[in-house]
């Protein structure tokens, strides 16, 4: 029976899709973002001292539907994230089918750095998708995350042409992608891709304590958090390019 490792079920989430949701955090990620707020999620197996639960689809659905009255009342549902949920494509496809069978809305948040066929299959199985884009420049994307953005951009282009509603998320990171030049670079790329809706996510330090606990070097230790107001000029640059912008999730 197929299983997947989940390191957290975050209930009553209001930041990753409409209404009240449960966020399912899958273990494993193929990016290595220096600002990652969930560094414990990156290996495919839990780090020493960390925990993850091996769920079957049936067991996970049983847990998720406990909050279905809240989903129904608020127009919410379940959001698949991580880590990277799309590293578990067959499990995710079965999970989507099982949740839809009991009337639960399914969204996903993904970095889209997976094979195009697998991405397309899962995209068609969810009701909504957030796709993270860390940098418009391939080289700088690789510097910040360990991978380039060529495959990601191909998947984004496919997603934007699909019937699945898509919102691009840009985590705005001090000194990496937060300059006026960067805002223009993103605007030009997003227009080329045909993206019309973007969320800007201000840099935060919610994961800093995890690096200390895990004894992992953290490149952004002590970096001041960004406020929504710090992204006003960035948002204005995108808006001038005809892109609808929301600051924050």
C-alpha atoms as a PDB file:
ATOM      1  CA  UNK A   1       0.000   0.000   0.000  1.00  0.00           C
ATOM      2  CA  UNK A   2       1.403   3.386  -1.051  1.00  0.00           C
ATOM      3  CA  UNK A   3       2.660   5.669   1.733  1.00  0.00           C
ATOM      4  CA  UNK A   4       4.157   9.156   2.002  1.00  0.00           C
ATOM      5  CA  UNK A   5       5.946  10.908   4.850  1.00  0.00           C
ATOM      6  CA  UNK A   6       4.201  13.970   6.308  1.00  0.00           C
ATOM      7  CA  UNK A   7       6.087  16.058   8.863  1.00  0.00           C
ATOM      8  CA  UNK A   8       3.227  18.363   9.831  1.00  0.00           C
ATOM      9  CA  UNK A   9      -0.529  18.765   9.521  1.00  0.00           C
ATOM     10  CA  UNK A  10      -1.285  22.422  10.142  1.00  0.00           C
ATOM     11  CA  UNK A  11      -4.964  22.792  10.914  1.00  0.00           C
ATOM     12  CA  UNK A  12      -7.052  25.955  10.708  1.00  0.00           C
ATOM     13  CA  UNK A  13      -4.675  27.595   8.237  1.00  0.00           C
ATOM     14  CA  UNK A  14      -5.985  30.764   6.564  1.00  0.00           C
ATOM     15  CA  UNK A  15      -2.966  31.704   4.428  1.00  0.00           C
ATOM     16  CA  UNK A  16      -2.745  28.989   1.782  1.00  0.00           C
ATOM     17  CA  UNK A  17      -6.020  29.180  -0.081  1.00  0.00           C
ATOM     18  CA  UNK A  18      -9.612  30.157   0.470  1.00  0.00           C
ATOM     19  CA  UNK A  19     -11.370  29.594   3.779  1.00  0.00           C
ATOM     20  CA  UNK A  20     -10.202  27.426   6.653  1.00  0.00           C
ATOM     21  CA  UNK A  21      -7.758  24.777   5.489  1.00  0.00           C
ATOM     22  CA  UNK A  22      -5.480  22.005   6.631  1.00  0.00           C
ATOM     23  CA  UNK A  23      -1.967  22.282   5.210  1.00  0.00           C
ATOM     24  CA  UNK A  24      -0.300  18.927   4.557  1.00  0.00           C
ATOM     25  CA  UNK A  25       3.489  19.272   4.752  1.00  0.00           C
ATOM     26  CA  UNK A  26       5.190  16.469   2.830  1.00  0.00           C
ATOM     27  CA  UNK A  27       8.717  15.412   3.689  1.00  0.00           C
ATOM     28  CA  UNK A  28      11.386  16.047   1.065  1.00  0.00           C
ATOM     29  CA  UNK A  29      12.351  18.958  -1.195  1.00  0.00           C
ATOM     30  CA  UNK A  30      14.661  19.233  -4.191  1.00  0.00           C
ATOM     31  CA  UNK A  31      15.436  22.931  -3.610  1.00  0.00           C
ATOM     32  CA  UNK A  32      17.818  24.277  -0.983  1.00  0.00           C
ATOM     33  CA  UNK A  33      16.625  27.826  -0.435  1.00  0.00           C
ATOM     34  CA  UNK A  34      18.856  29.647   2.025  1.00  0.00           C
ATOM     35  CA  UNK A  35      15.856  31.313   3.679  1.00  0.00           C
ATOM     36  CA  UNK A  36      13.697  28.167   3.945  1.00  0.00           C
ATOM     37  CA  UNK A  37      11.392  28.290   6.970  1.00  0.00           C
ATOM     38  CA  UNK A  38      11.136  24.481   7.074  1.00  0.00           C
ATOM     39  CA  UNK A  39      14.728  23.203   6.797  1.00  0.00           C
ATOM     40  CA  UNK A  40      13.681  19.973   8.497  1.00  0.00           C
ATOM     41  CA  UNK A  41      11.574  19.217   5.426  1.00  0.00           C
ATOM     42  CA  UNK A  42      14.406  19.125   2.902  1.00  0.00           C
ATOM     43  CA  UNK A  43      15.751  15.546   3.227  1.00  0.00           C
ATOM     44  CA  UNK A  44      13.512  12.755   1.971  1.00  0.00           C
ATOM     45  CA  UNK A  45      13.876  11.111   5.401  1.00  0.00           C
ATOM     46  CA  UNK A  46      13.606  12.991   8.706  1.00  0.00           C
ATOM     47  CA  UNK A  47      16.804  14.366  10.212  1.00  0.00           C
ATOM     48  CA  UNK A  48      17.985  12.821  13.507  1.00  0.00           C
ATOM     49  CA  UNK A  49      15.617  13.898  16.261  1.00  0.00           C
ATOM     50  CA  UNK A  50      12.916  15.026  13.822  1.00  0.00           C
ATOM     51  CA  UNK A  51       9.645  13.213  13.238  1.00  0.00           C
ATOM     52  CA  UNK A  52       7.467  12.474  10.243  1.00  0.00           C
ATOM     53  CA  UNK A  53       4.454  10.200   9.950  1.00  0.00           C
ATOM     54  CA  UNK A  54       4.095   7.611   7.192  1.00  0.00           C
ATOM     55  CA  UNK A  55       0.495   7.899   5.998  1.00  0.00           C
ATOM     56  CA  UNK A  56      -1.468   5.782   3.608  1.00  0.00           C
ATOM     57  CA  UNK A  57      -3.992   7.703   1.529  1.00  0.00           C
ATOM     58  CA  UNK A  58      -6.879   6.238   3.516  1.00  0.00           C
ATOM     59  CA  UNK A  59      -5.318   7.133   6.866  1.00  0.00           C
ATOM     60  CA  UNK A  60      -4.527  10.665   5.776  1.00  0.00           C
ATOM     61  CA  UNK A  61      -8.009  11.257   4.365  1.00  0.00           C
ATOM     62  CA  UNK A  62      -9.504   9.947   7.606  1.00  0.00           C
ATOM     63  CA  UNK A  63      -7.535  12.579   9.515  1.00  0.00           C
ATOM     64  CA  UNK A  64      -8.230  15.413   7.085  1.00  0.00           C
ATOM     65  CA  UNK A  65     -12.002  14.955   6.910  1.00  0.00           C
ATOM     66  CA  UNK A  66     -12.298  15.455  10.663  1.00  0.00           C
ATOM     67  CA  UNK A  67     -12.376  19.179   9.885  1.00  0.00           C
ATOM     68  CA  UNK A  68     -14.681  18.979   6.883  1.00  0.00           C
ATOM     69  CA  UNK A  69     -17.445  20.952   8.652  1.00  0.00           C
ATOM     70  CA  UNK A  70     -15.027  23.876   8.910  1.00  0.00           C
ATOM     71  CA  UNK A  71     -14.024  23.538   5.254  1.00  0.00           C
ATOM     72  CA  UNK A  72     -17.660  23.463   4.178  1.00  0.00           C
ATOM     73  CA  UNK A  73     -18.680  26.421   6.330  1.00  0.00           C
ATOM     74  CA  UNK A  74     -15.778  28.632   5.209  1.00  0.00           C
ATOM     75  CA  UNK A  75     -15.277  27.520   1.606  1.00  0.00           C
ATOM     76  CA  UNK A  76     -11.943  25.988   2.585  1.00  0.00           C
ATOM     77  CA  UNK A  77     -10.281  22.628   2.120  1.00  0.00           C
ATOM     78  CA  UNK A  78      -6.844  21.029   2.065  1.00  0.00           C
ATOM     79  CA  UNK A  79      -3.569  22.471   0.745  1.00  0.00           C
ATOM     80  CA  UNK A  80      -0.699  20.158  -0.221  1.00  0.00           C
ATOM     81  CA  UNK A  81       2.713  21.657   0.453  1.00  0.00           C
ATOM     82  CA  UNK A  82       6.031  20.732   2.023  1.00  0.00           C
ATOM     83  CA  UNK A  83       8.803  20.274   1.403  1.00  0.00           C
ATOM     84  CA  UNK A  84       7.599  19.535  -2.091  1.00  0.00           C
ATOM     85  CA  UNK A  85       4.367  17.596  -2.464  1.00  0.00           C
ATOM     86  CA  UNK A  86       5.129  16.797  -6.118  1.00  0.00           C
ATOM     87  CA  UNK A  87       8.014  14.551  -5.090  1.00  0.00           C
ATOM     88  CA  UNK A  88       5.195  12.145  -4.186  1.00  0.00           C
ATOM     89  CA  UNK A  89       3.128  12.357  -7.405  1.00  0.00           C
ATOM     90  CA  UNK A  90       1.332   9.007  -7.340  1.00  0.00           C
ATOM     91  CA  UNK A  91       0.394   9.403  -3.692  1.00  0.00           C
ATOM     92  CA  UNK A  92      -0.819  12.954  -4.329  1.00  0.00           C
ATOM     93  CA  UNK A  93      -2.939  11.843  -7.282  1.00  0.00           C
ATOM     94  CA  UNK A  94      -4.617   9.159  -5.171  1.00  0.00           C
ATOM     95  CA  UNK A  95      -5.070  11.636  -2.314  1.00  0.00           C
ATOM     96  CA  UNK A  96      -6.706  14.223  -4.580  1.00  0.00           C
ATOM     97  CA  UNK A  97      -9.137  11.640  -5.940  1.00  0.00           C
ATOM     98  CA  UNK A  98     -10.033  10.456  -2.438  1.00  0.00           C
ATOM     99  CA  UNK A  99     -10.571  13.988  -1.113  1.00  0.00           C
ATOM    100  CA  UNK A 100     -12.675  14.966  -4.113  1.00  0.00           C
ATOM    101  CA  UNK A 101     -14.774  11.849  -3.589  1.00  0.00           C
ATOM    102  CA  UNK A 102     -15.864  13.229  -0.206  1.00  0.00           C
ATOM    103  CA  UNK A 103     -16.286  16.800  -1.433  1.00  0.00           C
ATOM    104  CA  UNK A 104     -13.065  18.415  -0.202  1.00  0.00           C
ATOM    105  CA  UNK A 105     -11.417  21.236  -2.193  1.00  0.00           C
ATOM    106  CA  UNK A 106      -7.709  20.581  -2.861  1.00  0.00           C
ATOM    107  CA  UNK A 107      -5.040  23.205  -3.469  1.00  0.00           C
ATOM    108  CA  UNK A 108      -1.298  22.793  -3.756  1.00  0.00           C
ATOM    109  CA  UNK A 109       1.743  24.966  -3.217  1.00  0.00           C
ATOM    110  CA  UNK A 110       4.741  23.929  -5.269  1.00  0.00           C
ATOM    111  CA  UNK A 111       8.100  25.125  -6.545  1.00  0.00           C
ATOM    112  CA  UNK A 112       7.271  23.283  -9.795  1.00  0.00           C
ATOM    113  CA  UNK A 113      10.794  21.907 -10.142  1.00  0.00           C
ATOM    114  CA  UNK A 114       9.674  18.451 -11.247  1.00  0.00           C
ATOM    115  CA  UNK A 115       9.258  16.636 -14.540  1.00  0.00           C
ATOM    116  CA  UNK A 116       6.729  18.207 -16.879  1.00  0.00           C
ATOM    117  CA  UNK A 117       4.565  15.101 -17.285  1.00  0.00           C
ATOM    118  CA  UNK A 118       4.210  14.540 -13.553  1.00  0.00           C
ATOM    119  CA  UNK A 119       3.568  18.221 -12.962  1.00  0.00           C
ATOM    120  CA  UNK A 120       0.818  18.311 -15.585  1.00  0.00           C
ATOM    121  CA  UNK A 121      -0.889  15.232 -14.156  1.00  0.00           C
ATOM    122  CA  UNK A 122      -1.028  16.612 -10.632  1.00  0.00           C
ATOM    123  CA  UNK A 123      -1.979  20.102 -11.812  1.00  0.00           C
ATOM    124  CA  UNK A 124      -5.033  18.682 -13.533  1.00  0.00           C
ATOM    125  CA  UNK A 125      -6.004  16.862 -10.317  1.00  0.00           C
ATOM    126  CA  UNK A 126      -6.066  19.888  -7.995  1.00  0.00           C
ATOM    127  CA  UNK A 127      -8.573  22.715  -7.823  1.00  0.00           C
ATOM    128  CA  UNK A 128      -6.068  25.527  -7.347  1.00  0.00           C
ATOM    129  CA  UNK A 129      -2.288  26.003  -7.412  1.00  0.00           C
ATOM    130  CA  UNK A 130       0.217  28.376  -5.885  1.00  0.00           C
ATOM    131  CA  UNK A 131       3.543  28.242  -7.713  1.00  0.00           C
ATOM    132  CA  UNK A 132       6.627  29.744  -6.096  1.00  0.00           C
ATOM    133  CA  UNK A 133       9.068  31.692  -8.241  1.00  0.00           C
ATOM    134  CA  UNK A 134      12.221  32.710  -6.405  1.00  0.00           C
ATOM    135  CA  UNK A 135      14.054  34.627  -9.133  1.00  0.00           C
ATOM    136  CA  UNK A 136      13.566  35.682 -12.738  1.00  0.00           C
ATOM    137  CA  UNK A 137      17.254  35.115 -13.567  1.00  0.00           C
ATOM    138  CA  UNK A 138      18.319  31.497 -14.085  1.00  0.00           C
ATOM    139  CA  UNK A 139      21.809  31.932 -12.619  1.00  0.00           C
ATOM    140  CA  UNK A 140      20.616  33.815  -9.548  1.00  0.00           C
ATOM    141  CA  UNK A 141      17.822  31.304  -9.062  1.00  0.00           C
ATOM    142  CA  UNK A 142      20.459  28.579  -8.910  1.00  0.00           C
ATOM    143  CA  UNK A 143      22.570  30.594  -6.473  1.00  0.00           C
ATOM    144  CA  UNK A 144      19.643  31.052  -4.104  1.00  0.00           C
ATOM    145  CA  UNK A 145      17.998  27.636  -4.358  1.00  0.00           C
ATOM    146  CA  UNK A 146      20.520  25.182  -5.781  1.00  0.00           C
ATOM    147  CA  UNK A 147      18.563  24.763  -9.026  1.00  0.00           C
ATOM    148  CA  UNK A 148      17.962  26.896 -12.108  1.00  0.00           C
ATOM    149  CA  UNK A 149      14.528  28.110 -13.156  1.00  0.00           C
ATOM    150  CA  UNK A 150      14.278  26.761 -16.729  1.00  0.00           C
ATOM    151  CA  UNK A 151      12.158  23.718 -15.855  1.00  0.00           C
ATOM    152  CA  UNK A 152      10.138  25.764 -13.366  1.00  0.00           C
ATOM    153  CA  UNK A 153       9.291  28.367 -16.007  1.00  0.00           C
ATOM    154  CA  UNK A 154       8.202  25.673 -18.471  1.00  0.00           C
ATOM    155  CA  UNK A 155       5.859  24.277 -15.839  1.00  0.00           C
ATOM    156  CA  UNK A 156       4.546  27.726 -14.941  1.00  0.00           C
ATOM    157  CA  UNK A 157       3.809  28.445 -18.588  1.00  0.00           C
ATOM    158  CA  UNK A 158       1.897  25.174 -18.858  1.00  0.00           C
ATOM    159  CA  UNK A 159       0.002  25.902 -15.648  1.00  0.00           C
ATOM    160  CA  UNK A 160      -1.046  29.375 -16.770  1.00  0.00           C
ATOM    161  CA  UNK A 161      -2.429  27.908 -20.001  1.00  0.00           C
ATOM    162  CA  UNK A 162      -4.365  25.204 -18.143  1.00  0.00           C
ATOM    163  CA  UNK A 163      -7.860  25.272 -16.696  1.00  0.00           C
ATOM    164  CA  UNK A 164      -6.544  25.175 -13.122  1.00  0.00           C
ATOM    165  CA  UNK A 165      -6.521  28.594 -11.400  1.00  0.00           C
ATOM    166  CA  UNK A 166      -2.930  29.602 -10.629  1.00  0.00           C
ATOM    167  CA  UNK A 167      -1.341  32.324  -8.500  1.00  0.00           C
ATOM    168  CA  UNK A 168       2.406  32.961  -8.634  1.00  0.00           C
ATOM    169  CA  UNK A 169       4.072  33.496  -5.262  1.00  0.00           C
ATOM    170  CA  UNK A 170       7.318  35.444  -4.968  1.00  0.00           C
ATOM    171  CA  UNK A 171       9.142  35.272  -1.629  1.00  0.00           C
ATOM    172  CA  UNK A 172      10.898  38.636  -1.429  1.00  0.00           C
ATOM    173  CA  UNK A 173      14.303  38.139   0.187  1.00  0.00           C
ATOM    174  CA  UNK A 174      16.609  40.987   1.316  1.00  0.00           C
ATOM    175  CA  UNK A 175      19.681  41.336  -0.879  1.00  0.00           C
ATOM    176  CA  UNK A 176      18.574  38.551  -3.204  1.00  0.00           C
ATOM    177  CA  UNK A 177      15.520  39.627  -5.187  1.00  0.00           C
ATOM    178  CA  UNK A 178      14.162  42.773  -3.511  1.00  0.00           C
ATOM    179  CA  UNK A 179      15.649  45.633  -5.557  1.00  0.00           C
ATOM    180  CA  UNK A 180      13.901  47.923  -8.022  1.00  0.00           C
ATOM    181  CA  UNK A 181      15.806  46.160 -10.798  1.00  0.00           C
ATOM    182  CA  UNK A 182      14.452  42.864  -9.528  1.00  0.00           C
ATOM    183  CA  UNK A 183      10.869  44.118  -9.508  1.00  0.00           C
ATOM    184  CA  UNK A 184      11.239  45.136 -13.156  1.00  0.00           C
ATOM    185  CA  UNK A 185      12.851  41.804 -14.024  1.00  0.00           C
ATOM    186  CA  UNK A 186       9.977  39.919 -12.428  1.00  0.00           C
ATOM    187  CA  UNK A 187       7.412  42.161 -14.132  1.00  0.00           C
ATOM    188  CA  UNK A 188       8.927  41.534 -17.559  1.00  0.00           C
ATOM    189  CA  UNK A 189       9.113  37.777 -17.014  1.00  0.00           C
ATOM    190  CA  UNK A 190       5.589  37.515 -15.613  1.00  0.00           C
ATOM    191  CA  UNK A 191       4.217  39.423 -18.590  1.00  0.00           C
ATOM    192  CA  UNK A 192       6.087  37.118 -20.952  1.00  0.00           C
ATOM    193  CA  UNK A 193       4.567  34.126 -19.171  1.00  0.00           C
ATOM    194  CA  UNK A 194       1.085  35.623 -19.171  1.00  0.00           C
ATOM    195  CA  UNK A 195       0.769  35.692 -15.372  1.00  0.00           C
ATOM    196  CA  UNK A 196      -1.921  38.075 -14.159  1.00  0.00           C
ATOM    197  CA  UNK A 197      -1.983  37.438 -10.402  1.00  0.00           C
ATOM    198  CA  UNK A 198       0.923  37.435  -7.964  1.00  0.00           C
ATOM    199  CA  UNK A 199       1.406  37.271  -4.220  1.00  0.00           C
ATOM    200  CA  UNK A 200       4.487  38.902  -2.711  1.00  0.00           C
ATOM    201  CA  UNK A 201       5.582  37.158   0.479  1.00  0.00           C
ATOM    202  CA  UNK A 202       7.711  39.349   2.781  1.00  0.00           C
ATOM    203  CA  UNK A 203      10.826  37.739   4.254  1.00  0.00           C
ATOM    204  CA  UNK A 204      10.226  36.488   7.804  1.00  0.00           C
ATOM    205  CA  UNK A 205      12.191  34.720  10.501  1.00  0.00           C
ATOM    206  CA  UNK A 206       9.657  32.092  11.559  1.00  0.00           C
ATOM    207  CA  UNK A 207      12.170  29.337  10.811  1.00  0.00           C
ATOM    208  CA  UNK A 208      15.266  30.838  12.441  1.00  0.00           C
ATOM    209  CA  UNK A 209      14.927  28.827  15.657  1.00  0.00           C
ATOM    210  CA  UNK A 210      14.794  25.602  13.635  1.00  0.00           C
ATOM    211  CA  UNK A 211      18.287  26.184  12.266  1.00  0.00           C
ATOM    212  CA  UNK A 212      19.600  26.596  15.804  1.00  0.00           C
ATOM    213  CA  UNK A 213      17.828  23.433  16.935  1.00  0.00           C
ATOM    214  CA  UNK A 214      19.110  21.448  13.958  1.00  0.00           C
ATOM    215  CA  UNK A 215      22.591  23.000  14.214  1.00  0.00           C
ATOM    216  CA  UNK A 216      22.451  24.072  10.575  1.00  0.00           C
ATOM    217  CA  UNK A 217      24.192  27.235   9.404  1.00  0.00           C
ATOM    218  CA  UNK A 218      21.625  29.889   8.530  1.00  0.00           C
ATOM    219  CA  UNK A 219      22.639  32.517   5.991  1.00  0.00           C
ATOM    220  CA  UNK A 220      19.952  34.961   7.171  1.00  0.00           C
ATOM    221  CA  UNK A 221      20.591  34.803  10.905  1.00  0.00           C
ATOM    222  CA  UNK A 222      19.768  38.162  12.468  1.00  0.00           C
ATOM    223  CA  UNK A 223      18.313  39.553   9.242  1.00  0.00           C
ATOM    224  CA  UNK A 224      15.487  41.984   9.934  1.00  0.00           C
ATOM    225  CA  UNK A 225      12.043  40.774   8.916  1.00  0.00           C
ATOM    226  CA  UNK A 226      10.236  42.634   6.165  1.00  0.00           C
ATOM    227  CA  UNK A 227       6.914  44.358   6.715  1.00  0.00           C
ATOM    228  CA  UNK A 228       4.153  44.474   4.123  1.00  0.00           C
ATOM    229  CA  UNK A 229       4.873  48.174   3.692  1.00  0.00           C
ATOM    230  CA  UNK A 230       8.468  47.366   2.680  1.00  0.00           C
ATOM    231  CA  UNK A 231       7.091  45.799  -0.514  1.00  0.00           C
ATOM    232  CA  UNK A 232       4.945  48.744  -1.619  1.00  0.00           C
ATOM    233  CA  UNK A 233       7.369  49.945  -4.299  1.00  0.00           C
ATOM    234  CA  UNK A 234       7.930  46.387  -5.548  1.00  0.00           C
ATOM    235  CA  UNK A 235       4.169  45.849  -5.772  1.00  0.00           C
ATOM    236  CA  UNK A 236       3.697  49.158  -7.584  1.00  0.00           C
ATOM    237  CA  UNK A 237       6.254  48.135 -10.198  1.00  0.00           C
ATOM    238  CA  UNK A 238       4.339  44.933 -10.905  1.00  0.00           C
ATOM    239  CA  UNK A 239       1.003  46.744 -10.912  1.00  0.00           C
ATOM    240  CA  UNK A 240       2.292  49.208 -13.516  1.00  0.00           C
ATOM    241  CA  UNK A 241       2.961  46.172 -15.724  1.00  0.00           C
ATOM    242  CA  UNK A 242      -0.702  45.185 -15.466  1.00  0.00           C
ATOM    243  CA  UNK A 243      -0.260  42.466 -12.839  1.00  0.00           C
ATOM    244  CA  UNK A 244      -2.687  42.156  -9.935  1.00  0.00           C
ATOM    245  CA  UNK A 245      -0.609  42.077  -6.748  1.00  0.00           C
ATOM    246  CA  UNK A 246      -1.385  40.964  -3.215  1.00  0.00           C
ATOM    247  CA  UNK A 247       1.153  41.441  -0.447  1.00  0.00           C
ATOM    248  CA  UNK A 248       1.123  38.500   1.938  1.00  0.00           C
ATOM    249  CA  UNK A 249      -0.537  35.117   1.660  1.00  0.00           C
END
